[in-house]
């Protein structure tokens, strides 16, 4: 069912139109994905890799293998292990990892490489250029900590990355996939990216069969924030808002779902998360691999992020599950939420505004249920994983042709 009032992503330039409007030959080749973590590949790109394999491509993935190797192999995707820290500080170790990646590209001789997230885009593009890989797809799932942070070290690193990106992202036969129009405008306005290189594909999609609407639990409202436990995800503001509401006598439970990320400079220490949980202000459920069940236990989903999101997957899953959402009026987050229709948008870093929005949805059950229904309609119309897969395969076809 089409949600009649769902706004479409505004066209930033003509290259953002569908790449498959003109018929192109059915061309196949060897596609190599490069993603830092195996769990992220499974969560965000496995469906795409399976579809590429079914379309006749020879598919492999380069990633750091931890707990999800068997799942990748069982899907028929060849797995190539590469140890690469997302926050590597040792120049020798980083140089060695880059050399190994170059050797992989030289040995594999892929027709196309697809890099996902900032560090794989940076290292992968360098390796591809030196190894002579003919076609490159770079996917930035938001601009992330490095572009969003105001810390001095982040600003210095950002300058270095911007210079490298100007050299790498516009080279050869390549495209850059971005998830929201704000990021497209930012990279073009700062002359990091030429407009004809950019493609807008809004998120990594959601499995509409796995995440389905279900009735609210008949209990005290549960508000969840599911994310990596980073300050820039608005965790501190969420805790402050929960404390304000408890002081006002609002009956609700507030749960943090996710683990800390020691490789991110904005990580919240586990000890701090444990202290918050011990205080009774919030619950900390830790990392969960059963998000459909977690969302089924919730009444409201909150993500007060100012991280530099692409299109947050948890918001897509919340919308598909029929849950009202409270999030920030920030790039990526506002791609999913239509303020007043399927959720509420609040200013970033504003715990008081966040508490007011949460209070409204906690106390007004008919309102949040109406918003949940609208969210499902938006998810069906715009964010199904099949749509994202089809748009990405169209990028492959256009480059391979």
Protein backbone atom coordinates (compact mmCIF):
# COMPACT_ATOMS: atom_id res chain seq x y z
CA UNK A 1 0.00 0.00 0.00
CA UNK A 2 1.38 3.40 -0.99
CA UNK A 3 1.53 6.08 1.70
CA UNK A 4 -0.02 9.01 -0.14
CA UNK A 5 1.76 11.77 1.75
CA UNK A 6 5.22 10.19 1.84
CA UNK A 7 7.69 12.74 0.48
CA UNK A 8 10.21 11.51 -2.01
CA UNK A 9 13.89 12.33 -1.81
CA UNK A 10 14.36 15.60 -3.65
CA UNK A 11 16.48 15.36 -6.81
CA UNK A 12 19.87 16.88 -6.11
CA UNK A 13 21.04 16.62 -9.73
CA UNK A 14 20.20 14.61 -12.77
CA UNK A 15 22.54 11.73 -11.91
CA UNK A 16 20.32 10.86 -8.95
CA UNK A 17 17.58 9.67 -11.26
CA UNK A 18 17.23 5.93 -11.73
CA UNK A 19 20.26 4.50 -13.45
CA UNK A 20 18.28 1.76 -15.12
CA UNK A 21 15.84 3.94 -17.08
CA UNK A 22 17.73 3.05 -20.28
CA UNK A 23 17.96 -0.67 -21.02
CA UNK A 24 21.46 -2.03 -20.50
CA UNK A 25 22.85 -5.45 -21.40
CA UNK A 26 22.80 -8.21 -18.80
CA UNK A 27 26.50 -8.12 -17.98
CA UNK A 28 28.04 -10.18 -15.19
CA UNK A 29 31.46 -10.22 -13.60
CA UNK A 30 33.40 -10.78 -10.41
CA UNK A 31 32.24 -8.48 -7.58
CA UNK A 32 34.30 -8.09 -4.42
CA UNK A 33 32.79 -6.44 -1.33
CA UNK A 34 35.02 -4.86 1.30
CA UNK A 35 33.44 -4.23 4.71
CA UNK A 36 35.30 -3.91 8.01
CA UNK A 37 33.13 -6.26 10.13
CA UNK A 38 31.41 -9.52 9.25
CA UNK A 39 28.38 -8.71 11.43
CA UNK A 40 27.86 -5.43 9.57
CA UNK A 41 28.05 -7.19 6.21
CA UNK A 42 25.40 -9.67 7.33
CA UNK A 43 23.13 -6.96 8.73
CA UNK A 44 23.43 -4.43 5.91
CA UNK A 45 24.74 -6.04 2.70
CA UNK A 46 24.21 -9.81 2.72
CA UNK A 47 20.86 -9.60 0.90
CA UNK A 48 22.53 -7.50 -1.80
CA UNK A 49 25.41 -9.96 -2.19
CA UNK A 50 22.99 -12.89 -2.49
CA UNK A 51 21.00 -11.02 -5.15
CA UNK A 52 24.20 -10.24 -7.05
CA UNK A 53 25.15 -13.93 -6.96
CA UNK A 54 21.68 -14.93 -8.17
CA UNK A 55 22.07 -12.42 -11.02
CA UNK A 56 25.09 -14.40 -12.22
CA UNK A 57 27.97 -12.51 -10.65
CA UNK A 58 30.93 -14.22 -8.98
CA UNK A 59 30.72 -12.74 -5.47
CA UNK A 60 33.20 -12.60 -2.59
CA UNK A 61 33.57 -10.45 0.53
CA UNK A 62 36.70 -9.19 2.26
CA UNK A 63 36.09 -8.56 5.96
CA UNK A 64 37.30 -9.14 9.49
CA UNK A 65 35.84 -12.53 10.41
CA UNK A 66 34.50 -13.01 13.91
CA UNK A 67 31.15 -14.69 14.58
CA UNK A 68 29.36 -14.54 11.22
CA UNK A 69 31.69 -16.35 8.84
CA UNK A 70 29.54 -19.49 8.67
CA UNK A 71 26.45 -17.45 7.83
CA UNK A 72 28.24 -15.76 4.94
CA UNK A 73 29.63 -19.03 3.60
CA UNK A 74 26.27 -20.79 3.92
CA UNK A 75 24.79 -18.10 1.67
CA UNK A 76 27.25 -19.15 -1.02
CA UNK A 77 29.45 -16.07 -0.67
CA UNK A 78 33.19 -16.66 -0.77
CA UNK A 79 34.88 -15.21 2.32
CA UNK A 80 38.32 -13.60 2.43
CA UNK A 81 39.57 -12.69 5.90
CA UNK A 82 41.36 -9.40 6.50
CA UNK A 83 42.22 -8.00 9.92
CA UNK A 84 41.58 -4.25 9.86
CA UNK A 85 40.79 -2.17 12.92
CA UNK A 86 38.32 0.67 12.42
CA UNK A 87 40.47 2.78 14.74
CA UNK A 88 43.97 1.60 13.94
CA UNK A 89 46.68 3.85 15.40
CA UNK A 90 49.82 1.93 14.46
CA UNK A 91 51.11 3.26 11.10
CA UNK A 92 53.03 0.05 10.47
CA UNK A 93 49.96 -2.09 11.13
CA UNK A 94 47.76 0.11 8.96
CA UNK A 95 50.30 0.06 6.15
CA UNK A 96 50.52 -3.73 6.36
CA UNK A 97 46.72 -4.05 6.20
CA UNK A 98 46.63 -1.79 3.15
CA UNK A 99 49.38 -3.88 1.49
CA UNK A 100 47.42 -7.08 2.17
CA UNK A 101 44.30 -5.53 0.70
CA UNK A 102 46.26 -4.52 -2.40
CA UNK A 103 47.54 -8.11 -2.74
CA UNK A 104 44.00 -9.46 -2.44
CA UNK A 105 42.82 -7.15 -5.20
CA UNK A 106 45.79 -8.09 -7.40
CA UNK A 107 45.18 -11.81 -6.89
CA UNK A 108 41.38 -11.74 -7.19
CA UNK A 109 41.27 -9.40 -10.23
CA UNK A 110 37.66 -8.33 -9.61
CA UNK A 111 35.70 -6.58 -12.32
CA UNK A 112 34.10 -4.36 -9.68
CA UNK A 113 34.74 -3.66 -6.00
CA UNK A 114 32.11 -2.33 -3.61
CA UNK A 115 33.45 -0.60 -0.48
CA UNK A 116 31.14 0.16 2.45
CA UNK A 117 31.81 2.82 5.14
CA UNK A 118 34.53 5.43 5.48
CA UNK A 119 37.67 3.39 6.17
CA UNK A 120 36.98 0.68 3.58
CA UNK A 121 36.20 3.44 1.07
CA UNK A 122 39.51 5.15 1.84
CA UNK A 123 41.73 2.07 1.95
CA UNK A 124 39.80 0.14 -0.68
CA UNK A 125 39.93 2.99 -3.19
CA UNK A 126 43.70 3.30 -2.75
CA UNK A 127 44.20 -0.45 -3.14
CA UNK A 128 41.90 -0.57 -6.17
CA UNK A 129 43.72 2.28 -7.86
CA UNK A 130 47.16 0.73 -7.45
CA UNK A 131 45.94 -2.79 -8.27
CA UNK A 132 44.25 -1.63 -11.47
CA UNK A 133 40.68 -2.60 -10.52
CA UNK A 134 38.60 -1.22 -13.41
CA UNK A 135 35.37 -0.28 -11.58
CA UNK A 136 34.74 0.97 -8.06
CA UNK A 137 31.54 1.55 -6.07
CA UNK A 138 32.04 3.45 -2.82
CA UNK A 139 29.15 3.46 -0.36
CA UNK A 140 29.16 5.90 2.56
CA UNK A 141 26.51 5.00 5.12
CA UNK A 142 26.46 8.54 6.47
CA UNK A 143 29.45 10.76 7.07
CA UNK A 144 29.83 9.44 10.61
CA UNK A 145 31.91 10.50 13.58
CA UNK A 146 34.74 12.03 11.57
CA UNK A 147 32.52 14.56 9.79
CA UNK A 148 30.10 15.17 12.67
CA UNK A 149 32.51 15.56 15.58
CA UNK A 150 33.71 18.96 16.78
CA UNK A 151 36.74 17.47 18.51
CA UNK A 152 40.10 18.89 17.40
CA UNK A 153 41.58 15.53 16.44
CA UNK A 154 38.52 14.72 14.34
CA UNK A 155 38.80 18.07 12.54
CA UNK A 156 42.43 17.39 11.65
CA UNK A 157 41.66 13.87 10.41
CA UNK A 158 38.67 15.20 8.49
CA UNK A 159 40.93 17.56 6.55
CA UNK A 160 43.24 14.69 5.57
CA UNK A 161 40.30 12.50 4.53
CA UNK A 162 38.76 15.30 2.47
CA UNK A 163 41.99 15.73 0.51
CA UNK A 164 42.27 11.97 -0.06
CA UNK A 165 38.61 11.71 -1.11
CA UNK A 166 39.00 14.44 -3.73
CA UNK A 167 41.71 12.32 -5.31
CA UNK A 168 40.07 8.92 -4.88
CA UNK A 169 36.31 9.32 -5.26
CA UNK A 170 36.43 10.96 -8.68
CA UNK A 171 38.93 8.58 -10.28
CA UNK A 172 38.37 6.05 -13.04
CA UNK A 173 35.04 4.33 -13.63
CA UNK A 174 33.38 4.82 -10.27
CA UNK A 175 30.24 5.83 -8.40
CA UNK A 176 29.66 6.96 -4.83
CA UNK A 177 26.43 5.79 -3.20
CA UNK A 178 25.10 8.14 -0.54
CA UNK A 179 22.04 7.56 1.61
CA UNK A 180 20.51 11.01 2.02
CA UNK A 181 20.36 14.25 0.02
CA UNK A 182 22.11 16.24 2.77
CA UNK A 183 25.27 14.15 2.39
CA UNK A 184 25.13 14.49 -1.39
CA UNK A 185 24.92 18.27 -1.11
CA UNK A 186 27.69 18.41 1.48
CA UNK A 187 30.21 16.44 -0.58
CA UNK A 188 29.40 18.30 -3.78
CA UNK A 189 29.38 21.77 -2.15
CA UNK A 190 32.79 21.15 -0.56
CA UNK A 191 34.11 19.94 -3.93
CA UNK A 192 35.00 16.55 -2.51
CA UNK A 193 32.80 14.78 -5.04
CA UNK A 194 31.79 15.62 -8.59
CA UNK A 195 28.04 15.54 -9.03
CA UNK A 196 28.07 13.05 -11.91
CA UNK A 197 29.78 10.50 -9.65
CA UNK A 198 27.06 10.45 -6.99
CA UNK A 199 24.06 8.16 -6.66
CA UNK A 200 21.36 8.48 -4.02
CA UNK A 201 20.09 5.17 -2.58
CA UNK A 202 18.22 5.74 0.65
CA UNK A 203 19.57 3.28 3.19
CA UNK A 204 20.24 -0.43 3.15
CA UNK A 205 16.55 -1.36 3.23
CA UNK A 206 14.44 -3.40 5.60
CA UNK A 207 13.06 -6.93 5.31
CA UNK A 208 9.31 -6.28 5.38
CA UNK A 209 8.54 -9.95 6.01
CA UNK A 210 10.89 -10.24 8.99
CA UNK A 211 9.86 -6.92 10.54
CA UNK A 212 6.08 -6.95 10.59
CA UNK A 213 3.47 -4.95 12.53
CA UNK A 214 2.14 -6.49 15.70
CA UNK A 215 0.00 -5.23 18.52
CA UNK A 216 1.53 -3.30 21.39
CA UNK A 217 2.31 -5.27 24.54
CA UNK A 218 -0.38 -4.69 27.13
CA UNK A 219 1.94 -3.27 29.77
CA UNK A 220 3.67 -0.09 30.87
CA UNK A 221 5.10 1.64 27.76
CA UNK A 222 8.65 0.63 26.84
CA UNK A 223 10.85 3.16 25.03
CA UNK A 224 13.95 1.68 23.43
CA UNK A 225 17.09 3.24 22.00
CA UNK A 226 18.84 0.59 19.90
CA UNK A 227 22.29 1.58 18.69
CA UNK A 228 25.97 1.32 19.33
CA UNK A 229 26.50 2.99 22.68
CA UNK A 230 28.13 6.24 21.49
CA UNK A 231 27.71 9.70 22.97
CA UNK A 232 27.02 11.03 19.46
CA UNK A 233 23.99 8.76 19.18
CA UNK A 234 22.31 10.92 21.82
CA UNK A 235 22.58 8.36 24.61
CA UNK A 236 23.30 11.02 27.25
CA UNK A 237 20.30 13.09 26.19
CA UNK A 238 18.10 9.98 26.27
CA UNK A 239 19.15 9.23 29.85
CA UNK A 240 18.52 12.85 30.90
CA UNK A 241 15.08 12.82 29.25
CA UNK A 242 14.22 9.55 31.02
CA UNK A 243 15.24 11.08 34.35
CA UNK A 244 13.09 14.17 33.73
CA UNK A 245 10.05 12.05 32.89
CA UNK A 246 10.49 9.86 35.95
CA UNK A 247 10.63 12.96 38.14
CA UNK A 248 7.35 14.09 36.58
CA UNK A 249 5.73 10.78 37.50
CA UNK A 250 5.44 9.47 33.92
CA UNK A 251 5.17 5.69 34.04
CA UNK A 252 7.41 4.11 31.41
CA UNK A 253 10.48 1.95 31.00
CA UNK A 254 13.51 3.20 29.10
CA UNK A 255 15.91 0.66 27.62
CA UNK A 256 19.30 0.99 25.92
CA UNK A 257 19.83 -1.84 23.42
CA UNK A 258 23.36 -2.30 22.15
CA UNK A 259 26.95 -2.58 23.25
CA UNK A 260 29.74 -0.06 23.53
CA UNK A 261 32.14 0.32 20.60
CA UNK A 262 35.68 0.51 21.91
CA UNK A 263 37.05 1.34 18.46
CA UNK A 264 35.05 4.57 18.27
CA UNK A 265 36.37 7.68 20.10
CA UNK A 266 32.82 8.57 21.15
CA UNK A 267 32.24 5.21 22.88
CA UNK A 268 30.46 5.25 26.24
CA UNK A 269 32.37 3.12 28.74
CA UNK A 270 30.65 -0.06 29.88
CA UNK A 271 31.07 1.09 33.48
CA UNK A 272 28.98 4.19 32.75
CA UNK A 273 26.25 2.12 31.13
CA UNK A 274 26.25 -0.20 34.14
CA UNK A 275 25.94 2.78 36.52
CA UNK A 276 22.95 4.13 34.63
CA UNK A 277 21.29 0.72 34.75
CA UNK A 278 22.01 0.35 38.48
CA UNK A 279 20.41 3.75 39.13
CA UNK A 280 17.10 2.55 37.71
CA UNK A 281 16.81 5.44 35.28
CA UNK A 282 17.30 3.20 32.25
CA UNK A 283 17.73 -0.48 31.56
CA UNK A 284 20.70 -1.75 29.56
CA UNK A 285 19.84 -4.83 27.52
CA UNK A 286 23.23 -5.07 25.77
CA UNK A 287 23.80 -6.27 22.24
CA UNK A 288 20.85 -8.20 20.81
CA UNK A 289 20.66 -10.29 17.68
CA UNK A 290 16.86 -10.69 17.82
CA UNK A 291 15.72 -7.20 16.83
CA UNK A 292 12.25 -8.30 15.62
CA UNK A 293 11.56 -9.60 19.13
CA UNK A 294 13.08 -6.52 20.77
CA UNK A 295 10.90 -4.21 18.69
CA UNK A 296 7.84 -6.35 19.42
CA UNK A 297 8.43 -5.70 23.15
CA UNK A 298 8.59 -1.95 22.60
CA UNK A 299 5.98 0.81 22.28
CA UNK A 300 8.21 3.67 21.08
CA UNK A 301 11.60 3.74 19.34
CA UNK A 302 13.93 6.65 20.02
CA UNK A 303 17.18 7.66 18.31
CA UNK A 304 18.28 11.20 19.31
CA UNK A 305 21.40 10.98 17.14
CA UNK A 306 23.71 13.74 15.93
CA UNK A 307 26.29 11.22 14.71
CA UNK A 308 26.19 11.85 10.97
CA UNK A 309 23.80 9.07 9.96
CA UNK A 310 23.07 7.72 6.50
CA UNK A 311 19.58 6.31 6.96
CA UNK A 312 19.56 4.52 10.35
CA UNK A 313 18.56 0.90 9.91
CA UNK A 314 16.90 0.74 13.32
CA UNK A 315 14.47 3.49 12.27
CA UNK A 316 13.56 1.52 9.15
CA UNK A 317 12.98 -1.58 11.28
CA UNK A 318 10.90 0.44 13.75
CA UNK A 319 8.74 1.87 10.96
CA UNK A 320 8.26 -1.58 9.39
CA UNK A 321 7.25 -2.98 12.79
CA UNK A 322 4.65 -0.24 13.21
CA UNK A 323 6.28 1.65 16.06
CA UNK A 324 6.09 5.40 16.55
CA UNK A 325 9.51 7.06 16.44
CA UNK A 326 11.18 9.99 18.17
CA UNK A 327 14.38 11.11 16.51
CA UNK A 328 16.38 14.22 15.72
CA UNK A 329 15.83 16.61 12.86
CA UNK A 330 19.19 15.63 11.40
CA UNK A 331 20.41 14.22 8.06
CA UNK A 332 19.41 10.60 7.66
CA UNK A 333 17.03 10.51 10.61
CA UNK A 334 14.54 12.86 8.96
CA UNK A 335 14.54 10.67 5.85
CA UNK A 336 12.46 8.11 7.74
CA UNK A 337 10.28 10.28 9.99
CA UNK A 338 7.60 12.67 8.74
CA UNK A 339 7.08 14.92 11.73
CA UNK A 340 3.60 14.39 13.15
CA UNK A 341 2.80 11.50 10.78
CA UNK A 342 4.88 8.49 11.82
CA UNK A 343 6.85 10.11 14.60
CA UNK A 344 8.27 13.30 16.07
CA UNK A 345 11.43 15.21 15.18
CA UNK A 346 13.29 17.09 17.90
CA UNK A 347 16.40 19.30 17.89
CA UNK A 348 19.71 17.55 18.46
CA UNK A 349 21.33 17.72 21.91
CA UNK A 350 18.09 18.94 23.51
CA UNK A 351 17.09 16.60 26.33
CA UNK A 352 14.12 18.77 27.35
CA UNK A 353 12.59 18.76 23.87
CA UNK A 354 13.23 15.01 23.73
CA UNK A 355 11.41 14.48 27.02
CA UNK A 356 8.39 16.48 25.79
CA UNK A 357 8.13 14.40 22.61
CA UNK A 358 8.46 11.14 24.53
CA UNK A 359 5.87 12.26 27.08
CA UNK A 360 3.38 12.93 24.30
CA UNK A 361 3.73 9.45 22.83
CA UNK A 362 3.90 7.67 26.19
CA UNK A 363 0.65 9.25 27.38
CA UNK A 364 -1.30 9.24 24.11
CA UNK A 365 -1.71 5.65 22.99
CA UNK A 366 -4.06 6.33 20.03
CA UNK A 367 -1.57 8.87 18.65
CA UNK A 368 1.41 6.52 18.76
CA UNK A 369 -0.65 3.68 17.26
CA UNK A 370 -1.74 5.90 14.37
CA UNK A 371 1.87 6.92 13.84
CA UNK A 372 2.91 3.28 13.87
CA UNK A 373 0.45 2.45 11.08
CA UNK A 374 1.74 5.36 9.00
CA UNK A 375 5.31 4.18 9.58
CA UNK A 376 4.52 0.77 8.15
CA UNK A 377 3.00 2.34 5.05
CA UNK A 378 6.10 4.49 4.54
CA UNK A 379 8.38 1.46 4.98
CA UNK A 380 6.39 -0.52 2.42
CA UNK A 381 6.35 2.33 -0.09
CA UNK A 382 9.95 3.49 0.15
CA UNK A 383 12.34 1.33 2.14
CA UNK A 384 11.87 -2.36 1.32
CA UNK A 385 15.17 -4.17 0.91
CA UNK A 386 14.17 -5.32 -2.57
CA UNK A 387 14.04 -1.70 -3.74
CA UNK A 388 17.52 -0.96 -2.41
CA UNK A 389 18.93 -4.15 -3.94
CA UNK A 390 17.40 -3.37 -7.34
CA UNK A 391 18.79 0.18 -7.33
CA UNK A 392 22.28 -1.05 -6.39
CA UNK A 393 22.30 -3.80 -9.01
CA UNK A 394 21.38 -1.09 -11.54
CA UNK A 395 24.58 0.74 -10.55
CA UNK A 396 26.58 -2.44 -11.15
CA UNK A 397 24.96 -2.96 -14.56
CA UNK A 398 25.65 0.60 -15.65
CA UNK A 399 29.35 0.30 -14.75
CA UNK A 400 29.90 -3.21 -16.09
CA UNK A 401 28.19 -2.30 -19.37
